[in-house]
Full PDB file with SEQRES, HELIX, SHEET, SSBOND, CRYST1, ORIGX, SCALE, CONECT and MASTER records, all heavy atoms in Angstrom:
SEQRES   1 A   31  GLY LEU ALA ILE ALA PRO THR ALA PRO ARG PHE ASP VAL          
SEQRES   2 A   31  MET VAL ALA GLU ASP GLY GLU THR ILE ALA ALA ARG GLY          
SEQRES   3 A   31  PRO ASP GLY ARG LEU                                          
HELIX    1 AA1 ALA A    5  THR A    7  5                                   3    
SHEET    1 AA1 2 VAL A  13  VAL A  15  0                                        
SHEET    2 AA1 2 ILE A  22  ALA A  24 -1                                        
CRYST1    1.000    1.000    1.000  90.00  90.00  90.00 P 1           1          
ORIGX1      1.000000  0.000000  0.000000        0.00000                         
ORIGX2      0.000000  1.000000  0.000000        0.00000                         
ORIGX3      0.000000  0.000000  1.000000        0.00000                         
SCALE1      1.000000  0.000000  0.000000        0.00000                         
SCALE2      0.000000  1.000000  0.000000        0.00000                         
SCALE3      0.000000  0.000000  1.000000        0.00000                         
ATOM      1  N   GLY A   1     -19.235  -7.300  19.813  1.00  0.00           N  
ATOM      2  CA  GLY A   1     -19.854  -6.295  18.950  1.00  0.00           C  
ATOM      3  C   GLY A   1     -19.081  -6.096  17.666  1.00  0.00           C  
ATOM      4  O   GLY A   1     -19.663  -5.993  16.576  1.00  0.00           O  
ATOM      5  N   LEU A   2     -17.752  -6.064  17.768  1.00  0.00           N  
ATOM      6  CA  LEU A   2     -16.929  -5.900  16.568  1.00  0.00           C  
ATOM      7  C   LEU A   2     -17.021  -7.128  15.668  1.00  0.00           C  
ATOM      8  O   LEU A   2     -16.993  -7.010  14.433  1.00  0.00           O  
ATOM      9  CB  LEU A   2     -15.478  -5.644  16.966  1.00  0.00           C  
ATOM     10  CG  LEU A   2     -15.206  -4.345  17.742  1.00  0.00           C  
ATOM     11  CD1 LEU A   2     -13.729  -4.258  18.117  1.00  0.00           C  
ATOM     12  CD2 LEU A   2     -15.623  -3.131  16.941  1.00  0.00           C  
ATOM     13  N   ALA A   3     -17.152  -8.307  16.277  1.00  0.00           N  
ATOM     14  CA  ALA A   3     -17.191  -9.534  15.487  1.00  0.00           C  
ATOM     15  C   ALA A   3     -18.440  -9.614  14.614  1.00  0.00           C  
ATOM     16  O   ALA A   3     -18.386 -10.136  13.492  1.00  0.00           O  
ATOM     17  CB  ALA A   3     -17.120 -10.749  16.411  1.00  0.00           C  
ATOM     18  N   ILE A   4     -19.562  -9.107  15.120  1.00  0.00           N  
ATOM     19  CA  ILE A   4     -20.800  -9.210  14.337  1.00  0.00           C  
ATOM     20  C   ILE A   4     -21.048  -7.973  13.481  1.00  0.00           C  
ATOM     21  O   ILE A   4     -22.051  -7.914  12.765  1.00  0.00           O  
ATOM     22  CB  ILE A   4     -22.015  -9.460  15.250  1.00  0.00           C  
ATOM     23  CG1 ILE A   4     -22.280  -8.249  16.150  1.00  0.00           C  
ATOM     24  CG2 ILE A   4     -21.829 -10.718  16.072  1.00  0.00           C  
ATOM     25  CD1 ILE A   4     -23.566  -8.369  16.936  1.00  0.00           C  
ATOM     26  N   ALA A   5     -20.145  -6.986  13.539  1.00  0.00           N  
ATOM     27  CA  ALA A   5     -20.343  -5.760  12.754  1.00  0.00           C  
ATOM     28  C   ALA A   5     -20.494  -6.031  11.260  1.00  0.00           C  
ATOM     29  O   ALA A   5     -21.316  -5.388  10.599  1.00  0.00           O  
ATOM     30  CB  ALA A   5     -19.195  -4.780  13.012  1.00  0.00           C  
ATOM     31  N   PRO A   6     -19.750  -6.981  10.669  1.00  0.00           N  
ATOM     32  CA  PRO A   6     -19.887  -7.173   9.211  1.00  0.00           C  
ATOM     33  C   PRO A   6     -21.094  -8.026   8.807  1.00  0.00           C  
ATOM     34  O   PRO A   6     -21.220  -8.358   7.627  1.00  0.00           O  
ATOM     35  CB  PRO A   6     -18.583  -7.898   8.835  1.00  0.00           C  
ATOM     36  CG  PRO A   6     -17.702  -7.850  10.033  1.00  0.00           C  
ATOM     37  CD  PRO A   6     -18.614  -7.744  11.197  1.00  0.00           C  
ATOM     38  N   THR A   7     -21.963  -8.418   9.757  1.00  0.00           N  
ATOM     39  CA  THR A   7     -23.013  -9.388   9.451  1.00  0.00           C  
ATOM     40  C   THR A   7     -24.333  -8.757   9.024  1.00  0.00           C  
ATOM     41  O   THR A   7     -25.307  -9.479   8.826  1.00  0.00           O  
ATOM     42  CB  THR A   7     -23.269 -10.287  10.672  1.00  0.00           C  
ATOM     43  OG1 THR A   7     -23.738  -9.482  11.773  1.00  0.00           O  
ATOM     44  CG2 THR A   7     -22.003 -11.014  11.090  1.00  0.00           C  
ATOM     45  N   ALA A   8     -24.397  -7.442   8.891  1.00  0.00           N  
ATOM     46  CA  ALA A   8     -25.647  -6.817   8.447  1.00  0.00           C  
ATOM     47  C   ALA A   8     -25.961  -7.256   7.022  1.00  0.00           C  
ATOM     48  O   ALA A   8     -25.066  -7.322   6.171  1.00  0.00           O  
ATOM     49  CB  ALA A   8     -25.537  -5.295   8.510  1.00  0.00           C  
ATOM     50  N   PRO A   9     -27.223  -7.565   6.719  1.00  0.00           N  
ATOM     51  CA  PRO A   9     -27.559  -8.002   5.353  1.00  0.00           C  
ATOM     52  C   PRO A   9     -27.389  -6.874   4.345  1.00  0.00           C  
ATOM     53  O   PRO A   9     -27.599  -5.703   4.661  1.00  0.00           O  
ATOM     54  CB  PRO A   9     -29.032  -8.414   5.482  1.00  0.00           C  
ATOM     55  CG  PRO A   9     -29.549  -7.639   6.649  1.00  0.00           C  
ATOM     56  CD  PRO A   9     -28.400  -7.531   7.599  1.00  0.00           C  
ATOM     57  N   ARG A  10     -27.008  -7.232   3.133  1.00  0.00           N  
ATOM     58  CA  ARG A  10     -26.920  -6.263   2.031  1.00  0.00           C  
ATOM     59  C   ARG A  10     -28.267  -6.266   1.324  1.00  0.00           C  
ATOM     60  O   ARG A  10     -28.697  -7.279   0.766  1.00  0.00           O  
ATOM     61  CB  ARG A  10     -25.805  -6.628   1.054  1.00  0.00           C  
ATOM     62  CG  ARG A  10     -24.408  -6.560   1.634  1.00  0.00           C  
ATOM     63  CD  ARG A  10     -23.380  -6.691   0.516  1.00  0.00           C  
ATOM     64  NE  ARG A  10     -23.282  -5.464  -0.260  1.00  0.00           N  
ATOM     65  CZ  ARG A  10     -22.757  -5.413  -1.478  1.00  0.00           C  
ATOM     66  NH1 ARG A  10     -22.359  -6.510  -2.074  1.00  0.00           N  
ATOM     67  NH2 ARG A  10     -22.676  -4.265  -2.118  1.00  0.00           N  
ATOM     68  N   PHE A  11     -28.931  -5.134   1.341  1.00  0.00           N  
ATOM     69  CA  PHE A  11     -30.259  -5.051   0.767  1.00  0.00           C  
ATOM     70  C   PHE A  11     -30.175  -5.037  -0.759  1.00  0.00           C  
ATOM     71  O   PHE A  11     -29.398  -4.282  -1.342  1.00  0.00           O  
ATOM     72  CB  PHE A  11     -30.976  -3.794   1.262  1.00  0.00           C  
ATOM     73  CG  PHE A  11     -31.068  -3.701   2.761  1.00  0.00           C  
ATOM     74  CD1 PHE A  11     -30.872  -2.486   3.412  1.00  0.00           C  
ATOM     75  CD2 PHE A  11     -31.337  -4.825   3.523  1.00  0.00           C  
ATOM     76  CE1 PHE A  11     -30.956  -2.398   4.795  1.00  0.00           C  
ATOM     77  CE2 PHE A  11     -31.418  -4.751   4.908  1.00  0.00           C  
ATOM     78  CZ  PHE A  11     -31.222  -3.533   5.543  1.00  0.00           C  
ATOM     79  N   ASP A  12     -30.983  -5.869  -1.394  1.00  0.00           N  
ATOM     80  CA  ASP A  12     -31.033  -5.908  -2.855  1.00  0.00           C  
ATOM     81  C   ASP A  12     -32.052  -4.935  -3.419  1.00  0.00           C  
ATOM     82  O   ASP A  12     -31.924  -4.500  -4.571  1.00  0.00           O  
ATOM     83  CB  ASP A  12     -31.358  -7.324  -3.331  1.00  0.00           C  
ATOM     84  CG  ASP A  12     -30.260  -8.313  -2.998  1.00  0.00           C  
ATOM     85  OD1 ASP A  12     -29.083  -7.961  -3.184  1.00  0.00           O  
ATOM     86  OD2 ASP A  12     -30.574  -9.422  -2.536  1.00  0.00           O  
ATOM     87  N   VAL A  13     -33.073  -4.597  -2.626  1.00  0.00           N  
ATOM     88  CA  VAL A  13     -34.104  -3.646  -3.044  1.00  0.00           C  
ATOM     89  C   VAL A  13     -34.381  -2.706  -1.884  1.00  0.00           C  
ATOM     90  O   VAL A  13     -34.494  -3.156  -0.731  1.00  0.00           O  
ATOM     91  CB  VAL A  13     -35.402  -4.368  -3.465  1.00  0.00           C  
ATOM     92  CG1 VAL A  13     -36.515  -3.356  -3.754  1.00  0.00           C  
ATOM     93  CG2 VAL A  13     -35.161  -5.246  -4.683  1.00  0.00           C  
ATOM     94  N   MET A  14     -34.483  -1.412  -2.171  1.00  0.00           N  
ATOM     95  CA  MET A  14     -34.830  -0.416  -1.162  1.00  0.00           C  
ATOM     96  C   MET A  14     -35.880   0.508  -1.768  1.00  0.00           C  
ATOM     97  O   MET A  14     -35.754   0.949  -2.908  1.00  0.00           O  
ATOM     98  CB  MET A  14     -33.598   0.391  -0.723  1.00  0.00           C  
ATOM     99  CG  MET A  14     -32.452  -0.464  -0.225  1.00  0.00           C  
ATOM    100  SD  MET A  14     -31.019   0.489   0.370  1.00  0.00           S  
ATOM    101  CE  MET A  14     -31.642   1.092   1.937  1.00  0.00           C  
ATOM    102  N   VAL A  15     -36.930   0.802  -0.973  1.00  0.00           N  
ATOM    103  CA  VAL A  15     -38.033   1.627  -1.453  1.00  0.00           C  
ATOM    104  C   VAL A  15     -38.317   2.702  -0.413  1.00  0.00           C  
ATOM    105  O   VAL A  15     -38.517   2.384   0.770  1.00  0.00           O  
ATOM    106  CB  VAL A  15     -39.303   0.790  -1.701  1.00  0.00           C  
ATOM    107  CG1 VAL A  15     -40.400   1.657  -2.320  1.00  0.00           C  
ATOM    108  CG2 VAL A  15     -39.000  -0.400  -2.602  1.00  0.00           C  
ATOM    109  N   ALA A  16     -38.318   3.965  -0.838  1.00  0.00           N  
ATOM    110  CA  ALA A  16     -38.656   5.062   0.066  1.00  0.00           C  
ATOM    111  C   ALA A  16     -40.143   4.995   0.419  1.00  0.00           C  
ATOM    112  O   ALA A  16     -40.949   4.389  -0.293  1.00  0.00           O  
ATOM    113  CB  ALA A  16     -38.329   6.397  -0.579  1.00  0.00           C  
ATOM    114  N   GLU A  17     -40.507   5.647   1.524  1.00  0.00           N  
ATOM    115  CA  GLU A  17     -41.875   5.519   2.006  1.00  0.00           C  
ATOM    116  C   GLU A  17     -42.906   6.112   1.056  1.00  0.00           C  
ATOM    117  O   GLU A  17     -44.070   5.705   1.078  1.00  0.00           O  
ATOM    118  CB  GLU A  17     -42.010   6.157   3.393  1.00  0.00           C  
ATOM    119  CG  GLU A  17     -41.791   7.655   3.437  1.00  0.00           C  
ATOM    120  CD  GLU A  17     -42.029   8.226   4.822  1.00  0.00           C  
ATOM    121  OE1 GLU A  17     -42.182   7.446   5.774  1.00  0.00           O  
ATOM    122  OE2 GLU A  17     -42.081   9.462   4.951  1.00  0.00           O  
ATOM    123  N   ASP A  18     -42.511   7.062   0.207  1.00  0.00           N  
ATOM    124  CA  ASP A  18     -43.459   7.613  -0.758  1.00  0.00           C  
ATOM    125  C   ASP A  18     -43.444   6.860  -2.084  1.00  0.00           C  
ATOM    126  O   ASP A  18     -44.199   7.183  -3.006  1.00  0.00           O  
ATOM    127  CB  ASP A  18     -43.178   9.094  -1.011  1.00  0.00           C  
ATOM    128  CG  ASP A  18     -41.781   9.344  -1.561  1.00  0.00           C  
ATOM    129  OD1 ASP A  18     -41.019   8.370  -1.764  1.00  0.00           O  
ATOM    130  OD2 ASP A  18     -41.441  10.526  -1.776  1.00  0.00           O  
ATOM    131  N   GLY A  19     -42.597   5.845  -2.205  1.00  0.00           N  
ATOM    132  CA  GLY A  19     -42.530   5.047  -3.413  1.00  0.00           C  
ATOM    133  C   GLY A  19     -41.865   5.733  -4.593  1.00  0.00           C  
ATOM    134  O   GLY A  19     -41.781   5.146  -5.678  1.00  0.00           O  
ATOM    135  N   GLU A  20     -41.338   6.950  -4.404  1.00  0.00           N  
ATOM    136  CA  GLU A  20     -40.773   7.705  -5.520  1.00  0.00           C  
ATOM    137  C   GLU A  20     -39.312   7.360  -5.780  1.00  0.00           C  
ATOM    138  O   GLU A  20     -38.848   7.458  -6.912  1.00  0.00           O  
ATOM    139  CB  GLU A  20     -40.899   9.212  -5.242  1.00  0.00           C  
ATOM    140  CG  GLU A  20     -42.316   9.731  -5.298  1.00  0.00           C  
ATOM    141  CD  GLU A  20     -42.906   9.605  -6.696  1.00  0.00           C  
ATOM    142  OE1 GLU A  20     -42.323  10.142  -7.649  1.00  0.00           O  
ATOM    143  OE2 GLU A  20     -43.945   8.946  -6.824  1.00  0.00           O  
ATOM    144  N   THR A  21     -38.581   6.995  -4.759  1.00  0.00           N  
ATOM    145  CA  THR A  21     -37.164   6.633  -4.918  1.00  0.00           C  
ATOM    146  C   THR A  21     -37.006   5.146  -4.637  1.00  0.00           C  
ATOM    147  O   THR A  21     -37.458   4.647  -3.607  1.00  0.00           O  
ATOM    148  CB  THR A  21     -36.276   7.448  -3.961  1.00  0.00           C  
ATOM    149  OG1 THR A  21     -36.531   8.842  -4.144  1.00  0.00           O  
ATOM    150  CG2 THR A  21     -34.807   7.172  -4.227  1.00  0.00           C  
ATOM    151  N   ILE A  22     -36.369   4.454  -5.583  1.00  0.00           N  
ATOM    152  CA  ILE A  22     -36.216   3.000  -5.503  1.00  0.00           C  
ATOM    153  C   ILE A  22     -34.767   2.659  -5.831  1.00  0.00           C  
ATOM    154  O   ILE A  22     -34.154   3.266  -6.719  1.00  0.00           O  
ATOM    155  CB  ILE A  22     -37.158   2.283  -6.494  1.00  0.00           C  
ATOM    156  CG1 ILE A  22     -38.615   2.653  -6.205  1.00  0.00           C  
ATOM    157  CG2 ILE A  22     -36.981   0.768  -6.436  1.00  0.00           C  
ATOM    158  CD1 ILE A  22     -39.574   2.212  -7.279  1.00  0.00           C  
ATOM    159  N   ALA A  23     -34.221   1.680  -5.125  1.00  0.00           N  
ATOM    160  CA  ALA A  23     -32.866   1.197  -5.404  1.00  0.00           C  
ATOM    161  C   ALA A  23     -32.912  -0.305  -5.626  1.00  0.00           C  
ATOM    162  O   ALA A  23     -33.647  -1.026  -4.940  1.00  0.00           O  
ATOM    163  CB  ALA A  23     -31.922   1.536  -4.256  1.00  0.00           C  
ATOM    164  N   ALA A  24     -32.131  -0.768  -6.574  1.00  0.00           N  
ATOM    165  CA  ALA A  24     -32.012  -2.201  -6.848  1.00  0.00           C  
ATOM    166  C   ALA A  24     -30.546  -2.522  -7.103  1.00  0.00           C  
ATOM    167  O   ALA A  24     -29.832  -1.748  -7.752  1.00  0.00           O  
ATOM    168  CB  ALA A  24     -32.864  -2.594  -8.056  1.00  0.00           C  
ATOM    169  N   ARG A  25     -30.095  -3.659  -6.586  1.00  0.00           N  
ATOM    170  CA  ARG A  25     -28.692  -4.036  -6.759  1.00  0.00           C  
ATOM    171  C   ARG A  25     -28.507  -4.651  -8.149  1.00  0.00           C  
ATOM    172  O   ARG A  25     -29.144  -5.644  -8.495  1.00  0.00           O  
ATOM    173  CB  ARG A  25     -28.260  -5.026  -5.675  1.00  0.00           C  
ATOM    174  CG  ARG A  25     -26.745  -5.187  -5.584  1.00  0.00           C  
ATOM    175  CD  ARG A  25     -26.342  -5.930  -4.321  1.00  0.00           C  
ATOM    176  NE  ARG A  25     -26.785  -5.255  -3.115  1.00  0.00           N  
ATOM    177  CZ  ARG A  25     -26.202  -4.195  -2.581  1.00  0.00           C  
ATOM    178  NH1 ARG A  25     -25.137  -3.668  -3.172  1.00  0.00           N  
ATOM    179  NH2 ARG A  25     -26.675  -3.669  -1.469  1.00  0.00           N  
ATOM    180  N   GLY A  26     -27.642  -4.023  -8.916  1.00  0.00           N  
ATOM    181  CA  GLY A  26     -27.456  -4.426 -10.294  1.00  0.00           C  
ATOM    182  C   GLY A  26     -26.462  -5.551 -10.465  1.00  0.00           C  
ATOM    183  O   GLY A  26     -25.908  -6.078  -9.495  1.00  0.00           O  
ATOM    184  N   PRO A  27     -26.176  -5.929 -11.697  1.00  0.00           N  
ATOM    185  CA  PRO A  27     -25.221  -7.019 -11.963  1.00  0.00           C  
ATOM    186  C   PRO A  27     -23.816  -6.731 -11.453  1.00  0.00           C  
ATOM    187  O   PRO A  27     -23.058  -7.662 -11.181  1.00  0.00           O  
ATOM    188  CB  PRO A  27     -25.243  -7.134 -13.495  1.00  0.00           C  
ATOM    189  CG  PRO A  27     -26.513  -6.485 -13.932  1.00  0.00           C  
ATOM    190  CD  PRO A  27     -26.784  -5.404 -12.935  1.00  0.00           C  
ATOM    191  N   ASP A  28     -23.458  -5.432 -11.322  1.00  0.00           N  
ATOM    192  CA  ASP A  28     -22.120  -5.085 -10.840  1.00  0.00           C  
ATOM    193  C   ASP A  28     -22.021  -5.085  -9.321  1.00  0.00           C  
ATOM    194  O   ASP A  28     -20.965  -4.768  -8.764  1.00  0.00           O  
ATOM    195  CB  ASP A  28     -21.706  -3.717 -11.387  1.00  0.00           C  
ATOM    196  CG  ASP A  28     -22.661  -2.600 -10.957  1.00  0.00           C  
ATOM    197  OD1 ASP A  28     -23.690  -2.897 -10.307  1.00  0.00           O  
ATOM    198  OD2 ASP A  28     -22.384  -1.429 -11.283  1.00  0.00           O  
ATOM    199  N   GLY A  29     -23.111  -5.424  -8.638  1.00  0.00           N  
ATOM    200  CA  GLY A  29     -23.101  -5.485  -7.182  1.00  0.00           C  
ATOM    201  C   GLY A  29     -23.373  -4.168  -6.499  1.00  0.00           C  
ATOM    202  O   GLY A  29     -23.412  -4.107  -5.268  1.00  0.00           O  
ATOM    203  N   ARG A  30     -23.569  -3.090  -7.270  1.00  0.00           N  
ATOM    204  CA  ARG A  30     -23.841  -1.781  -6.680  1.00  0.00           C  
ATOM    205  C   ARG A  30     -25.323  -1.451  -6.809  1.00  0.00           C  
ATOM    206  O   ARG A  30     -26.020  -1.961  -7.683  1.00  0.00           O  
ATOM    207  CB  ARG A  30     -23.004  -0.691  -7.345  1.00  0.00           C  
ATOM    208  CG  ARG A  30     -21.506  -0.912  -7.215  1.00  0.00           C  
ATOM    209  CD  ARG A  30     -20.726   0.350  -7.550  1.00  0.00           C  
ATOM    210  NE  ARG A  30     -21.005   0.838  -8.902  1.00  0.00           N  
ATOM    211  CZ  ARG A  30     -20.486   1.967  -9.389  1.00  0.00           C  
ATOM    212  NH1 ARG A  30     -19.679   2.701  -8.648  1.00  0.00           N  
ATOM    213  NH2 ARG A  30     -20.780   2.353 -10.625  1.00  0.00           N  
ATOM    214  N   LEU A  31     -25.787  -0.579  -5.924  1.00  0.00           N  
ATOM    215  CA  LEU A  31     -27.171  -0.146  -5.987  1.00  0.00           C  
ATOM    216  C   LEU A  31     -27.361   0.821  -7.146  1.00  0.00           C  
ATOM    217  O   LEU A  31     -26.567   1.756  -7.330  1.00  0.00           O  
ATOM    218  CB  LEU A  31     -27.584   0.544  -4.682  1.00  0.00           C  
ATOM    219  CG  LEU A  31     -27.714  -0.332  -3.434  1.00  0.00           C  
ATOM    220  CD1 LEU A  31     -28.039   0.530  -2.219  1.00  0.00           C  
ATOM    221  CD2 LEU A  31     -28.783  -1.401  -3.617  1.00  0.00           C  
TER     222      LEU A  31                                                      
MASTER        0    0    0    1    2    0    0    6  221    1    0    3          
END                                                                             
């Protein structure tokens, strides 16, 4: 379990269910 802990994908785009809040990973690597 500890070995696979760092393997979660880093999401480049995130959208809330109402479509009002959106996140995108910028050139600096942050959302």
